[in-house]
Amino acid sequence: MSRAPLIMYAVAAVVGIAGAVVAGRPARSEGAVYARRIAATMLIVLALTLAFSAWSMANWEAGS
């Protein structure tokens, strides 16, 4: 297995943690709540996409 999936897994973990931090922080206004929810959702979806891509790359066999 090459290093590329491992790097993608690491980046996915960092982005997922960032999404959880953004989702967990309190907001001062209604607009801030909305913005944080959107940002957290985008970060978590990015983390899931990266993790799935890394999994696909790690499980890809030559010639199949």
PDB file of N, CA and C in Angstrom:
ATOM      1  N   MET A   1       0.843  -1.173   0.000  1.00  0.00           N
ATOM      2  CA  MET A   1       0.000   0.000   0.000  1.00  0.00           C
ATOM      3  C   MET A   1       0.891   1.241   0.000  1.00  0.00           C
ATOM      4  N   SER A   2       0.537   2.175  -0.835  1.00  0.00           N
ATOM      5  CA  SER A   2       1.327   3.405  -0.906  1.00  0.00           C
ATOM      6  C   SER A   2       0.960   4.340   0.245  1.00  0.00           C
ATOM      7  N   ARG A   3       1.691   5.440   0.318  1.00  0.00           N
ATOM      8  CA  ARG A   3       1.440   6.411   1.383  1.00  0.00           C
ATOM      9  C   ARG A   3       0.229   7.298   1.119  1.00  0.00           C
ATOM     10  N   ALA A   4      -0.228   7.365  -0.115  1.00  0.00           N
ATOM     11  CA  ALA A   4      -1.319   8.271  -0.457  1.00  0.00           C
ATOM     12  C   ALA A   4      -2.588   8.011   0.362  1.00  0.00           C
ATOM     13  N   PRO A   5      -3.050   6.755   0.504  1.00  0.00           N
ATOM     14  CA  PRO A   5      -4.250   6.544   1.331  1.00  0.00           C
ATOM     15  C   PRO A   5      -4.038   6.928   2.795  1.00  0.00           C
ATOM     16  N   LEU A   6      -2.837   6.682   3.304  1.00  0.00           N
ATOM     17  CA  LEU A   6      -2.567   7.045   4.700  1.00  0.00           C
ATOM     18  C   LEU A   6      -2.624   8.554   4.893  1.00  0.00           C
ATOM     19  N   ILE A   7      -2.093   9.290   3.944  1.00  0.00           N
ATOM     20  CA  ILE A   7      -2.154  10.752   4.013  1.00  0.00           C
ATOM     21  C   ILE A   7      -3.604  11.220   3.914  1.00  0.00           C
ATOM     22  N   MET A   8      -4.363  10.601   3.029  1.00  0.00           N
ATOM     23  CA  MET A   8      -5.776  10.975   2.889  1.00  0.00           C
ATOM     24  C   MET A   8      -6.563  10.649   4.162  1.00  0.00           C
ATOM     25  N   TYR A   9      -6.267   9.514   4.797  1.00  0.00           N
ATOM     26  CA  TYR A   9      -6.918   9.187   6.058  1.00  0.00           C
ATOM     27  C   TYR A   9      -6.571  10.218   7.134  1.00  0.00           C
ATOM     28  N   ALA A  10      -5.301  10.628   7.186  1.00  0.00           N
ATOM     29  CA  ALA A  10      -4.877  11.612   8.181  1.00  0.00           C
ATOM     30  C   ALA A  10      -5.567  12.955   7.961  1.00  0.00           C
ATOM     31  N   VAL A  11      -5.624  13.396   6.711  1.00  0.00           N
ATOM     32  CA  VAL A  11      -6.303  14.658   6.405  1.00  0.00           C
ATOM     33  C   VAL A  11      -7.792  14.551   6.716  1.00  0.00           C
ATOM     34  N   ALA A  12      -8.394  13.413   6.414  1.00  0.00           N
ATOM     35  CA  ALA A  12      -9.811  13.211   6.726  1.00  0.00           C
ATOM     36  C   ALA A  12     -10.046  13.289   8.232  1.00  0.00           C
ATOM     37  N   ALA A  13      -9.145  12.725   9.012  1.00  0.00           N
ATOM     38  CA  ALA A  13      -9.288  12.783  10.473  1.00  0.00           C
ATOM     39  C   ALA A  13      -9.183  14.216  10.983  1.00  0.00           C
ATOM     40  N   VAL A  14      -8.219  14.962  10.467  1.00  0.00           N
ATOM     41  CA  VAL A  14      -8.049  16.356  10.892  1.00  0.00           C
ATOM     42  C   VAL A  14      -9.272  17.189  10.512  1.00  0.00           C
ATOM     43  N   VAL A  15      -9.759  17.009   9.300  1.00  0.00           N
ATOM     44  CA  VAL A  15     -10.933  17.762   8.843  1.00  0.00           C
ATOM     45  C   VAL A  15     -12.178  17.350   9.642  1.00  0.00           C
ATOM     46  N   GLY A  16     -12.310  16.073   9.953  1.00  0.00           N
ATOM     47  CA  GLY A  16     -13.435  15.613  10.760  1.00  0.00           C
ATOM     48  C   GLY A  16     -13.413  16.202  12.162  1.00  0.00           C
ATOM     49  N   ILE A  17     -12.234  16.268  12.757  1.00  0.00           N
ATOM     50  CA  ILE A  17     -12.101  16.891  14.078  1.00  0.00           C
ATOM     51  C   ILE A  17     -12.437  18.375  13.998  1.00  0.00           C
ATOM     52  N   ALA A  18     -11.970  19.028  12.944  1.00  0.00           N
ATOM     53  CA  ALA A  18     -12.298  20.453  12.768  1.00  0.00           C
ATOM     54  C   ALA A  18     -13.807  20.650  12.629  1.00  0.00           C
ATOM     55  N   GLY A  19     -14.473  19.767  11.902  1.00  0.00           N
ATOM     56  CA  GLY A  19     -15.925  19.845  11.771  1.00  0.00           C
ATOM     57  C   GLY A  19     -16.626  19.664  13.101  1.00  0.00           C
ATOM     58  N   ALA A  20     -16.135  18.749  13.917  1.00  0.00           N
ATOM     59  CA  ALA A  20     -16.735  18.534  15.238  1.00  0.00           C
ATOM     60  C   ALA A  20     -16.518  19.746  16.145  1.00  0.00           C
ATOM     61  N   VAL A  21     -15.342  20.353  16.053  1.00  0.00           N
ATOM     62  CA  VAL A  21     -15.062  21.551  16.857  1.00  0.00           C
ATOM     63  C   VAL A  21     -15.971  22.697  16.438  1.00  0.00           C
ATOM     64  N   VAL A  22     -16.103  22.898  15.133  1.00  0.00           N
ATOM     65  CA  VAL A  22     -16.969  23.979  14.644  1.00  0.00           C
ATOM     66  C   VAL A  22     -18.415  23.729  15.063  1.00  0.00           C
ATOM     67  N   ALA A  23     -18.861  22.485  14.983  1.00  0.00           N
ATOM     68  CA  ALA A  23     -20.246  22.168  15.350  1.00  0.00           C
ATOM     69  C   ALA A  23     -20.490  22.349  16.847  1.00  0.00           C
ATOM     70  N   GLY A  24     -19.469  22.132  17.647  1.00  0.00           N
ATOM     71  CA  GLY A  24     -19.633  22.191  19.091  1.00  0.00           C
ATOM     72  C   GLY A  24     -19.468  23.561  19.715  1.00  0.00           C
ATOM     73  N   ARG A  25     -18.959  24.512  18.967  1.00  0.00           N
ATOM     74  CA  ARG A  25     -18.742  25.839  19.543  1.00  0.00           C
ATOM     75  C   ARG A  25     -20.049  26.618  19.626  1.00  0.00           C
ATOM     76  N   PRO A  26     -20.220  27.381  20.694  1.00  0.00           N
ATOM     77  CA  PRO A  26     -21.441  28.179  20.810  1.00  0.00           C
ATOM     78  C   PRO A  26     -21.401  29.386  19.871  1.00  0.00           C
ATOM     79  N   ALA A  27     -22.570  29.828  19.471  1.00  0.00           N
ATOM     80  CA  ALA A  27     -22.689  30.987  18.590  1.00  0.00           C
ATOM     81  C   ALA A  27     -23.477  32.080  19.295  1.00  0.00           C
ATOM     82  N   ARG A  28     -23.211  33.321  18.908  1.00  0.00           N
ATOM     83  CA  ARG A  28     -23.834  34.452  19.594  1.00  0.00           C
ATOM     84  C   ARG A  28     -25.118  34.938  18.945  1.00  0.00           C
ATOM     85  N   SER A  29     -25.314  34.631  17.692  1.00  0.00           N
ATOM     86  CA  SER A  29     -26.516  35.118  17.010  1.00  0.00           C
ATOM     87  C   SER A  29     -27.115  34.000  16.163  1.00  0.00           C
ATOM     88  N   GLU A  30     -28.315  34.264  15.667  1.00  0.00           N
ATOM     89  CA  GLU A  30     -28.990  33.268  14.838  1.00  0.00           C
ATOM     90  C   GLU A  30     -28.230  33.031  13.534  1.00  0.00           C
ATOM     91  N   GLY A  31     -27.693  34.092  12.957  1.00  0.00           N
ATOM     92  CA  GLY A  31     -26.904  33.959  11.733  1.00  0.00           C
ATOM     93  C   GLY A  31     -25.635  33.160  11.947  1.00  0.00           C
ATOM     94  N   ALA A  32     -25.027  33.347  13.115  1.00  0.00           N
ATOM     95  CA  ALA A  32     -23.810  32.597  13.425  1.00  0.00           C
ATOM     96  C   ALA A  32     -24.107  31.112  13.590  1.00  0.00           C
ATOM     97  N   VAL A  33     -25.238  30.798  14.176  1.00  0.00           N
ATOM     98  CA  VAL A  33     -25.639  29.391  14.322  1.00  0.00           C
ATOM     99  C   VAL A  33     -25.795  28.761  12.944  1.00  0.00           C
ATOM    100  N   TYR A  34     -26.464  29.465  12.056  1.00  0.00           N
ATOM    101  CA  TYR A  34     -26.678  28.981  10.696  1.00  0.00           C
ATOM    102  C   TYR A  34     -25.342  28.775   9.974  1.00  0.00           C
ATOM    103  N   ALA A  35     -24.450  29.758  10.079  1.00  0.00           N
ATOM    104  CA  ALA A  35     -23.145  29.671   9.414  1.00  0.00           C
ATOM    105  C   ALA A  35     -22.311  28.529   9.970  1.00  0.00           C
ATOM    106  N   ARG A  36     -22.332  28.336  11.266  1.00  0.00           N
ATOM    107  CA  ARG A  36     -21.558  27.243  11.869  1.00  0.00           C
ATOM    108  C   ARG A  36     -22.109  25.877  11.462  1.00  0.00           C
ATOM    109  N   ARG A  37     -23.419  25.772  11.378  1.00  0.00           N
ATOM    110  CA  ARG A  37     -24.002  24.494  10.941  1.00  0.00           C
ATOM    111  C   ARG A  37     -23.597  24.174   9.511  1.00  0.00           C
ATOM    112  N   ILE A  38     -23.621  25.170   8.652  1.00  0.00           N
ATOM    113  CA  ILE A  38     -23.220  24.948   7.257  1.00  0.00           C
ATOM    114  C   ILE A  38     -21.743  24.569   7.185  1.00  0.00           C
ATOM    115  N   ALA A  39     -20.896  25.320   7.899  1.00  0.00           N
ATOM    116  CA  ALA A  39     -19.457  25.041   7.873  1.00  0.00           C
ATOM    117  C   ALA A  39     -19.155  23.657   8.428  1.00  0.00           C
ATOM    118  N   ALA A  40     -19.798  23.295   9.533  1.00  0.00           N
ATOM    119  CA  ALA A  40     -19.560  21.973  10.127  1.00  0.00           C
ATOM    120  C   ALA A  40     -20.013  20.864   9.190  1.00  0.00           C
ATOM    121  N   THR A  41     -21.153  21.056   8.555  1.00  0.00           N
ATOM    122  CA  THR A  41     -21.646  20.051   7.615  1.00  0.00           C
ATOM    123  C   THR A  41     -20.686  19.881   6.444  1.00  0.00           C
ATOM    124  N   MET A  42     -20.201  20.997   5.914  1.00  0.00           N
ATOM    125  CA  MET A  42     -19.265  20.921   4.787  1.00  0.00           C
ATOM    126  C   MET A  42     -17.967  20.228   5.193  1.00  0.00           C
ATOM    127  N   LEU A  43     -17.443  20.515   6.372  1.00  0.00           N
ATOM    128  CA  LEU A  43     -16.209  19.873   6.825  1.00  0.00           C
ATOM    129  C   LEU A  43     -16.401  18.377   7.054  1.00  0.00           C
ATOM    130  N   ILE A  44     -17.518  17.998   7.647  1.00  0.00           N
ATOM    131  CA  ILE A  44     -17.762  16.582   7.913  1.00  0.00           C
ATOM    132  C   ILE A  44     -17.962  15.810   6.610  1.00  0.00           C
ATOM    133  N   VAL A  45     -18.666  16.401   5.656  1.00  0.00           N
ATOM    134  CA  VAL A  45     -18.843  15.733   4.365  1.00  0.00           C
ATOM    135  C   VAL A  45     -17.501  15.607   3.637  1.00  0.00           C
ATOM    136  N   LEU A  46     -16.659  16.630   3.729  1.00  0.00           N
ATOM    137  CA  LEU A  46     -15.321  16.537   3.135  1.00  0.00           C
ATOM    138  C   LEU A  46     -14.527  15.409   3.771  1.00  0.00           C
ATOM    139  N   ALA A  47     -14.603  15.282   5.090  1.00  0.00           N
ATOM    140  CA  ALA A  47     -13.886  14.208   5.783  1.00  0.00           C
ATOM    141  C   ALA A  47     -14.383  12.838   5.332  1.00  0.00           C
ATOM    142  N   LEU A  48     -15.692  12.682   5.218  1.00  0.00           N
ATOM    143  CA  LEU A  48     -16.242  11.401   4.762  1.00  0.00           C
ATOM    144  C   LEU A  48     -15.837  11.093   3.326  1.00  0.00           C
ATOM    145  N   THR A  49     -15.833  12.111   2.473  1.00  0.00           N
ATOM    146  CA  THR A  49     -15.429  11.914   1.076  1.00  0.00           C
ATOM    147  C   THR A  49     -13.966  11.502   0.985  1.00  0.00           C
ATOM    148  N   LEU A  50     -13.112  12.181   1.746  1.00  0.00           N
ATOM    149  CA  LEU A  50     -11.694  11.823   1.745  1.00  0.00           C
ATOM    150  C   LEU A  50     -11.470  10.410   2.284  1.00  0.00           C
ATOM    151  N   ALA A  51     -12.180  10.059   3.345  1.00  0.00           N
ATOM    152  CA  ALA A  51     -12.020   8.724   3.925  1.00  0.00           C
ATOM    153  C   ALA A  51     -12.478   7.646   2.948  1.00  0.00           C
ATOM    154  N   PHE A  52     -13.594   7.872   2.266  1.00  0.00           N
ATOM    155  CA  PHE A  52     -14.065   6.896   1.285  1.00  0.00           C
ATOM    156  C   PHE A  52     -13.087   6.784   0.113  1.00  0.00           C
ATOM    157  N   SER A  53     -12.561   7.915  -0.345  1.00  0.00           N
ATOM    158  CA  SER A  53     -11.589   7.880  -1.443  1.00  0.00           C
ATOM    159  C   SER A  53     -10.318   7.156  -1.027  1.00  0.00           C
ATOM    160  N   ALA A  54      -9.870   7.390   0.208  1.00  0.00           N
ATOM    161  CA  ALA A  54      -8.680   6.694   0.699  1.00  0.00           C
ATOM    162  C   ALA A  54      -8.939   5.199   0.804  1.00  0.00           C
ATOM    163  N   TRP A  55     -10.114   4.828   1.283  1.00  0.00           N
ATOM    164  CA  TRP A  55     -10.463   3.414   1.377  1.00  0.00           C
ATOM    165  C   TRP A  55     -10.498   2.782  -0.014  1.00  0.00           C
ATOM    166  N   SER A  56     -11.090   3.481  -0.971  1.00  0.00           N
ATOM    167  CA  SER A  56     -11.151   2.961  -2.333  1.00  0.00           C
ATOM    168  C   SER A  56      -9.761   2.804  -2.927  1.00  0.00           C
ATOM    169  N   MET A  57      -8.898   3.784  -2.693  1.00  0.00           N
ATOM    170  CA  MET A  57      -7.530   3.722  -3.215  1.00  0.00           C
ATOM    171  C   MET A  57      -6.740   2.581  -2.556  1.00  0.00           C
ATOM    172  N   ALA A  58      -6.948   2.382  -1.273  1.00  0.00           N
ATOM    173  CA  ALA A  58      -6.227   1.323  -0.562  1.00  0.00           C
ATOM    174  C   ALA A  58      -6.690  -0.051  -1.004  1.00  0.00           C
ATOM    175  N   ASN A  59      -7.946  -0.198  -1.381  1.00  0.00           N
ATOM    176  CA  ASN A  59      -8.482  -1.505  -1.760  1.00  0.00           C
ATOM    177  C   ASN A  59      -8.446  -1.771  -3.255  1.00  0.00           C
ATOM    178  N   TRP A  60      -7.949  -0.834  -4.024  1.00  0.00           N
ATOM    179  CA  TRP A  60      -7.878  -1.012  -5.460  1.00  0.00           C
ATOM    180  C   TRP A  60      -6.767  -1.994  -5.792  1.00  0.00           C
ATOM    181  N   GLU A  61      -7.101  -3.055  -6.492  1.00  0.00           N
ATOM    182  CA  GLU A  61      -6.098  -4.041  -6.856  1.00  0.00           C
ATOM    183  C   GLU A  61      -5.754  -3.875  -8.333  1.00  0.00           C
ATOM    184  N   ALA A  62      -4.495  -4.056  -8.649  1.00  0.00           N
ATOM    185  CA  ALA A  62      -4.049  -3.927 -10.030  1.00  0.00           C
ATOM    186  C   ALA A  62      -4.668  -5.048 -10.855  1.00  0.00           C
ATOM    187  N   GLY A  63      -5.182  -4.686 -12.008  1.00  0.00           N
ATOM    188  CA  GLY A  63      -5.716  -5.657 -12.927  1.00  0.00           C
ATOM    189  C   GLY A  63      -7.164  -6.041 -12.691  1.00  0.00           C
ATOM    190  N   SER A  64      -7.823  -5.399 -11.766  1.00  0.00           N
ATOM    191  CA  SER A  64      -9.224  -5.771 -11.515  1.00  0.00           C
ATOM    192  C   SER A  64     -10.178  -4.722 -12.008  1.00  0.00           C
TER     193      SER A  64
END
